[in-house]
Amino acid sequence: MGQITVETCEIEGLKIITPQVHGDARGYFIETYQYNDFKEAGIPQIFVQDNQSASKRGVIRGLHFQKQFPQDKLVRVIRGEVFDVAVDLREGSKTFGKWFGVVLSEENKKQFFVPKNFAHGFLVLSDYAEFCYKCSDFYHPGDEGGLAYNDPDIGIDWPIAEDMELIFSDRDTKWGGIAEYKKEHGIGR
């Protein structure tokens, strides 16, 4: 692999990618995505859509997933810092319902590959953050599902500071937990 290093995670399929940074007195240059390098790293997906969001400190976006049109996602932060989380929703997986989190920031320049059939979300740790991600399928209105960020059955250890005011969309306050997800999908019967 030329321009990236890849770390595997304790949940199969999740990968942390660190690009090679070329810096000098002018600043830096990084190749954030190159198909051949990613394919060699075991990420051969073709991405068809790029998205970007901006959020302030304390915003939690997610945990989101797509129902009928699942997406692989390659996520990164270009400004600020977030705690990014993926929850395994792959039926039959030995890590079903388990979560993994990683800090992504403009300083560490890490990327996080989240395969299809994971719920995904993040908490903004800095005063402001810009979050970018590539998707392997197009957005389909009405196809989004979600899980409660604070579901005790998942048990995400969010790094919430004492002085942090959490901010959610209305929709993100209404998601159920993993038990409801399993019941809805007939898992564990």
Foldseek 3Di string as FASTA:
>chain_A
DPFWDWDADPFPPKIKIFGHWADDPVGIDTDLDDQVVCVVVVNNFDFDDKDKDKDFAQEKDFQKAFAPDGKKKKKAWQAAKKWKKKAAQDAPGPRHLEMDIDMHHNVRRMIMIHGTRIGIMIGGHHRMIMMMMTIRDDDDPPRMAGAAPPPVSHPDPGPADPPRDHDYDPVNVPHYHVVVVCVVVVGPD
